[in-house]
């Protein structure tokens, strides 16, 4: 149960305010689509992308068993952060 809660809260906090949620807010604010359909579509999309991530993670574990996967993931986040900071200064 501890692992479940760790994953749940990590993903929940990471997803707050991201582009996916902003897009969902925009779809839900329109008059046309049903709010239930927006919720269902956004939920299924998140489930599908999470399923893909789990499959890729399982394959990565198989082929990169000797590599420190947390280090690789952390470096990926650092690289994305540096690119986003660079983009901010280029746009300013």
N, C-alpha and C. Protein backbone atom coordinates (compact mmCIF):
# COMPACT_ATOMS: atom_id res chain seq x y z
N UNK A 1 0.82 -1.20 0.00
CA UNK A 1 0.00 0.00 0.00
C UNK A 1 0.86 1.26 0.00
N UNK A 2 2.01 1.19 0.64
CA UNK A 2 2.92 2.33 0.70
C UNK A 2 3.39 2.74 -0.70
N UNK A 3 3.73 1.76 -1.53
CA UNK A 3 4.18 2.05 -2.89
C UNK A 3 3.05 2.69 -3.69
N UNK A 4 1.83 2.17 -3.52
CA UNK A 4 0.67 2.74 -4.22
C UNK A 4 0.49 4.20 -3.85
N UNK A 5 0.52 4.51 -2.56
CA UNK A 5 0.32 5.89 -2.11
C UNK A 5 1.44 6.80 -2.60
N UNK A 6 2.66 6.30 -2.60
CA UNK A 6 3.79 7.09 -3.10
C UNK A 6 3.60 7.44 -4.56
N UNK A 7 3.24 6.43 -5.36
CA UNK A 7 3.01 6.67 -6.79
C UNK A 7 1.82 7.62 -6.98
N UNK A 8 0.73 7.35 -6.26
CA UNK A 8 -0.47 8.19 -6.41
C UNK A 8 -0.17 9.65 -6.13
N UNK A 9 0.43 9.93 -4.98
CA UNK A 9 0.66 11.33 -4.61
C UNK A 9 1.73 11.98 -5.48
N UNK A 10 2.73 11.22 -5.90
CA UNK A 10 3.75 11.78 -6.79
C UNK A 10 3.15 12.20 -8.12
N UNK A 11 2.36 11.32 -8.72
CA UNK A 11 1.74 11.63 -10.00
C UNK A 11 0.66 12.70 -9.85
N UNK A 12 -0.13 12.60 -8.79
CA UNK A 12 -1.18 13.60 -8.55
C UNK A 12 -0.58 14.99 -8.45
N UNK A 13 0.46 15.16 -7.67
CA UNK A 13 1.09 16.48 -7.50
C UNK A 13 1.78 16.93 -8.78
N UNK A 14 2.40 15.99 -9.50
CA UNK A 14 3.09 16.36 -10.75
C UNK A 14 2.10 16.81 -11.82
N UNK A 15 0.90 16.26 -11.80
CA UNK A 15 -0.10 16.59 -12.82
C UNK A 15 -0.86 17.88 -12.54
N UNK A 16 -0.83 18.37 -11.30
CA UNK A 16 -1.57 19.59 -10.98
C UNK A 16 -1.05 20.77 -11.80
N UNK A 17 -1.95 21.39 -12.53
CA UNK A 17 -1.59 22.59 -13.27
C UNK A 17 -0.76 22.37 -14.52
N UNK A 18 -0.63 21.13 -15.00
CA UNK A 18 0.16 20.93 -16.21
C UNK A 18 -0.71 21.21 -17.44
N UNK A 19 -0.12 21.08 -18.62
CA UNK A 19 -0.84 21.40 -19.85
C UNK A 19 -2.06 20.52 -20.06
N UNK A 20 -1.99 19.28 -19.60
CA UNK A 20 -3.13 18.37 -19.74
C UNK A 20 -4.33 18.90 -18.96
N UNK A 21 -4.09 19.33 -17.74
CA UNK A 21 -5.20 19.86 -16.95
C UNK A 21 -5.73 21.16 -17.53
N UNK A 22 -4.84 22.00 -18.02
CA UNK A 22 -5.30 23.26 -18.63
C UNK A 22 -6.15 22.98 -19.86
N UNK A 23 -5.75 22.01 -20.68
CA UNK A 23 -6.55 21.65 -21.85
C UNK A 23 -7.91 21.11 -21.41
N UNK A 24 -7.93 20.30 -20.36
CA UNK A 24 -9.19 19.75 -19.85
C UNK A 24 -10.09 20.86 -19.35
N UNK A 25 -9.52 21.84 -18.65
CA UNK A 25 -10.30 22.99 -18.18
C UNK A 25 -10.92 23.73 -19.37
N UNK A 26 -10.14 23.92 -20.43
CA UNK A 26 -10.66 24.62 -21.60
C UNK A 26 -11.80 23.85 -22.25
N UNK A 27 -11.64 22.52 -22.40
CA UNK A 27 -12.71 21.72 -22.99
C UNK A 27 -13.97 21.76 -22.11
N UNK A 28 -13.77 21.69 -20.81
CA UNK A 28 -14.92 21.68 -19.89
C UNK A 28 -15.61 23.04 -19.83
N UNK A 29 -14.90 24.11 -20.16
CA UNK A 29 -15.50 25.44 -20.10
C UNK A 29 -16.32 25.77 -21.33
N UNK A 30 -16.22 24.96 -22.39
CA UNK A 30 -17.01 25.19 -23.60
C UNK A 30 -18.45 24.74 -23.39
N UNK A 31 -19.36 25.34 -24.13
CA UNK A 31 -20.77 24.98 -24.02
C UNK A 31 -21.09 23.65 -24.67
N UNK A 32 -20.37 23.27 -25.71
CA UNK A 32 -20.73 22.10 -26.50
C UNK A 32 -20.64 20.75 -25.81
N UNK A 33 -19.44 20.33 -25.45
CA UNK A 33 -19.31 18.96 -24.96
C UNK A 33 -19.86 18.77 -23.54
N UNK A 34 -20.38 17.57 -23.32
CA UNK A 34 -20.86 17.22 -21.98
C UNK A 34 -19.67 17.14 -21.03
N UNK A 35 -19.86 17.60 -19.81
CA UNK A 35 -18.78 17.54 -18.81
C UNK A 35 -18.40 16.10 -18.51
N UNK A 36 -19.37 15.20 -18.58
CA UNK A 36 -19.10 13.78 -18.36
C UNK A 36 -18.19 13.24 -19.47
N UNK A 37 -18.46 13.65 -20.72
CA UNK A 37 -17.62 13.21 -21.83
C UNK A 37 -16.20 13.78 -21.72
N UNK A 38 -16.09 15.03 -21.29
CA UNK A 38 -14.76 15.63 -21.10
C UNK A 38 -14.00 14.85 -20.03
N UNK A 39 -14.68 14.55 -18.92
CA UNK A 39 -14.05 13.79 -17.85
C UNK A 39 -13.63 12.40 -18.34
N UNK A 40 -14.53 11.72 -19.03
CA UNK A 40 -14.23 10.37 -19.53
C UNK A 40 -13.08 10.39 -20.54
N UNK A 41 -13.11 11.34 -21.46
CA UNK A 41 -12.05 11.42 -22.46
C UNK A 41 -10.69 11.73 -21.84
N UNK A 42 -10.66 12.69 -20.92
CA UNK A 42 -9.40 13.04 -20.26
C UNK A 42 -8.89 11.89 -19.40
N UNK A 43 -9.80 11.22 -18.73
CA UNK A 43 -9.42 10.09 -17.87
C UNK A 43 -8.85 8.94 -18.71
N UNK A 44 -9.53 8.59 -19.80
CA UNK A 44 -9.05 7.50 -20.65
C UNK A 44 -7.71 7.84 -21.30
N UNK A 45 -7.54 9.11 -21.67
CA UNK A 45 -6.26 9.52 -22.25
C UNK A 45 -5.13 9.37 -21.23
N UNK A 46 -5.39 9.76 -19.98
CA UNK A 46 -4.37 9.63 -18.94
C UNK A 46 -4.08 8.17 -18.65
N UNK A 47 -5.12 7.34 -18.63
CA UNK A 47 -4.92 5.90 -18.41
C UNK A 47 -4.09 5.30 -19.55
N UNK A 48 -4.40 5.67 -20.80
CA UNK A 48 -3.65 5.13 -21.94
C UNK A 48 -2.19 5.57 -21.91
N UNK A 49 -1.94 6.86 -21.63
CA UNK A 49 -0.55 7.33 -21.61
C UNK A 49 0.21 6.73 -20.43
N UNK A 50 -0.46 6.52 -19.31
CA UNK A 50 0.18 5.89 -18.16
C UNK A 50 0.48 4.43 -18.45
N UNK A 51 -0.45 3.74 -19.11
CA UNK A 51 -0.20 2.35 -19.51
C UNK A 51 1.02 2.23 -20.41
N UNK A 52 1.13 3.15 -21.36
CA UNK A 52 2.30 3.16 -22.24
C UNK A 52 3.58 3.40 -21.45
N UNK A 53 3.53 4.32 -20.50
CA UNK A 53 4.71 4.61 -19.67
C UNK A 53 5.11 3.39 -18.85
N UNK A 54 4.13 2.67 -18.31
CA UNK A 54 4.44 1.47 -17.52
C UNK A 54 5.07 0.40 -18.42
N UNK A 55 4.53 0.21 -19.62
CA UNK A 55 5.12 -0.76 -20.55
C UNK A 55 6.55 -0.39 -20.92
N UNK A 56 6.76 0.88 -21.23
CA UNK A 56 8.12 1.33 -21.58
C UNK A 56 9.06 1.19 -20.38
N UNK A 57 8.56 1.49 -19.19
CA UNK A 57 9.39 1.33 -17.99
C UNK A 57 9.75 -0.11 -17.75
N UNK A 58 8.81 -1.03 -17.97
CA UNK A 58 9.09 -2.45 -17.79
C UNK A 58 10.12 -2.93 -18.81
N UNK A 59 10.01 -2.45 -20.06
CA UNK A 59 11.00 -2.83 -21.07
C UNK A 59 12.36 -2.23 -20.74
N UNK A 60 12.36 -0.99 -20.28
CA UNK A 60 13.63 -0.35 -19.92
C UNK A 60 14.31 -1.10 -18.79
N UNK A 61 13.52 -1.57 -17.83
CA UNK A 61 14.11 -2.32 -16.72
C UNK A 61 14.78 -3.59 -17.22
N UNK A 62 14.14 -4.23 -18.18
CA UNK A 62 14.68 -5.48 -18.72
C UNK A 62 16.02 -5.24 -19.43
N UNK A 63 16.09 -4.17 -20.21
CA UNK A 63 17.28 -3.93 -21.02
C UNK A 63 18.32 -3.05 -20.32
N UNK A 64 17.92 -2.33 -19.31
CA UNK A 64 18.84 -1.44 -18.60
C UNK A 64 18.97 -1.84 -17.14
N UNK A 65 18.89 -3.12 -16.86
CA UNK A 65 18.89 -3.59 -15.47
C UNK A 65 20.14 -3.16 -14.72
N UNK A 66 21.24 -3.01 -15.40
CA UNK A 66 22.47 -2.63 -14.71
C UNK A 66 22.58 -1.12 -14.53
N UNK A 67 21.83 -0.36 -15.28
CA UNK A 67 21.92 1.10 -15.19
C UNK A 67 21.01 1.60 -14.07
N UNK A 68 21.43 2.63 -13.40
CA UNK A 68 20.60 3.21 -12.34
C UNK A 68 19.43 3.99 -12.95
N UNK A 69 18.26 3.36 -13.04
CA UNK A 69 17.13 3.96 -13.73
C UNK A 69 16.67 5.27 -13.10
N UNK A 70 16.74 5.35 -11.78
CA UNK A 70 16.33 6.61 -11.13
C UNK A 70 17.26 7.75 -11.51
N UNK A 71 18.53 7.45 -11.66
CA UNK A 71 19.49 8.47 -12.09
C UNK A 71 19.18 8.92 -13.51
N UNK A 72 18.88 7.97 -14.39
CA UNK A 72 18.55 8.31 -15.77
C UNK A 72 17.28 9.16 -15.81
N UNK A 73 16.26 8.77 -15.05
CA UNK A 73 15.02 9.55 -15.02
C UNK A 73 15.27 10.94 -14.45
N UNK A 74 16.05 11.03 -13.39
CA UNK A 74 16.37 12.33 -12.80
C UNK A 74 17.11 13.23 -13.78
N UNK A 75 18.06 12.67 -14.50
CA UNK A 75 18.79 13.46 -15.50
C UNK A 75 17.84 13.93 -16.60
N UNK A 76 16.89 13.08 -16.96
CA UNK A 76 15.90 13.49 -17.96
C UNK A 76 15.11 14.70 -17.50
N UNK A 77 14.68 14.70 -16.24
CA UNK A 77 13.94 15.84 -15.71
C UNK A 77 14.82 17.09 -15.65
N UNK A 78 16.09 16.93 -15.29
CA UNK A 78 17.00 18.08 -15.25
C UNK A 78 17.17 18.66 -16.65
N UNK A 79 17.34 17.79 -17.63
CA UNK A 79 17.50 18.26 -19.02
C UNK A 79 16.26 19.00 -19.48
N UNK A 80 15.10 18.45 -19.20
CA UNK A 80 13.84 19.12 -19.57
C UNK A 80 13.74 20.48 -18.87
N UNK A 81 14.11 20.54 -17.60
CA UNK A 81 14.08 21.80 -16.86
C UNK A 81 15.02 22.84 -17.46
N UNK A 82 16.22 22.43 -17.80
CA UNK A 82 17.19 23.36 -18.41
C UNK A 82 16.68 23.86 -19.75
N UNK A 83 16.09 22.96 -20.54
CA UNK A 83 15.53 23.38 -21.83
C UNK A 83 14.38 24.36 -21.64
N UNK A 84 13.55 24.14 -20.64
CA UNK A 84 12.43 25.05 -20.38
C UNK A 84 12.93 26.41 -19.91
N UNK A 85 13.96 26.43 -19.08
CA UNK A 85 14.54 27.70 -18.63
C UNK A 85 15.13 28.45 -19.82
N UNK A 86 15.85 27.72 -20.69
CA UNK A 86 16.40 28.34 -21.88
C UNK A 86 15.32 28.91 -22.78
N UNK A 87 14.24 28.17 -22.94
CA UNK A 87 13.12 28.64 -23.76
C UNK A 87 12.50 29.90 -23.18
N UNK A 88 12.42 29.96 -21.85
CA UNK A 88 11.87 31.15 -21.20
C UNK A 88 12.70 32.38 -21.52
N UNK A 89 14.02 32.24 -21.43
CA UNK A 89 14.88 33.40 -21.68
C UNK A 89 14.95 33.77 -23.16
N UNK A 90 14.80 32.79 -24.05
CA UNK A 90 14.76 33.10 -25.48
C UNK A 90 13.47 33.86 -25.82
N UNK A 91 12.37 33.50 -25.15
CA UNK A 91 11.09 34.14 -25.44
C UNK A 91 11.01 35.54 -24.82
N UNK A 92 11.78 35.80 -23.78
CA UNK A 92 11.71 37.08 -23.08
C UNK A 92 12.43 38.16 -23.79
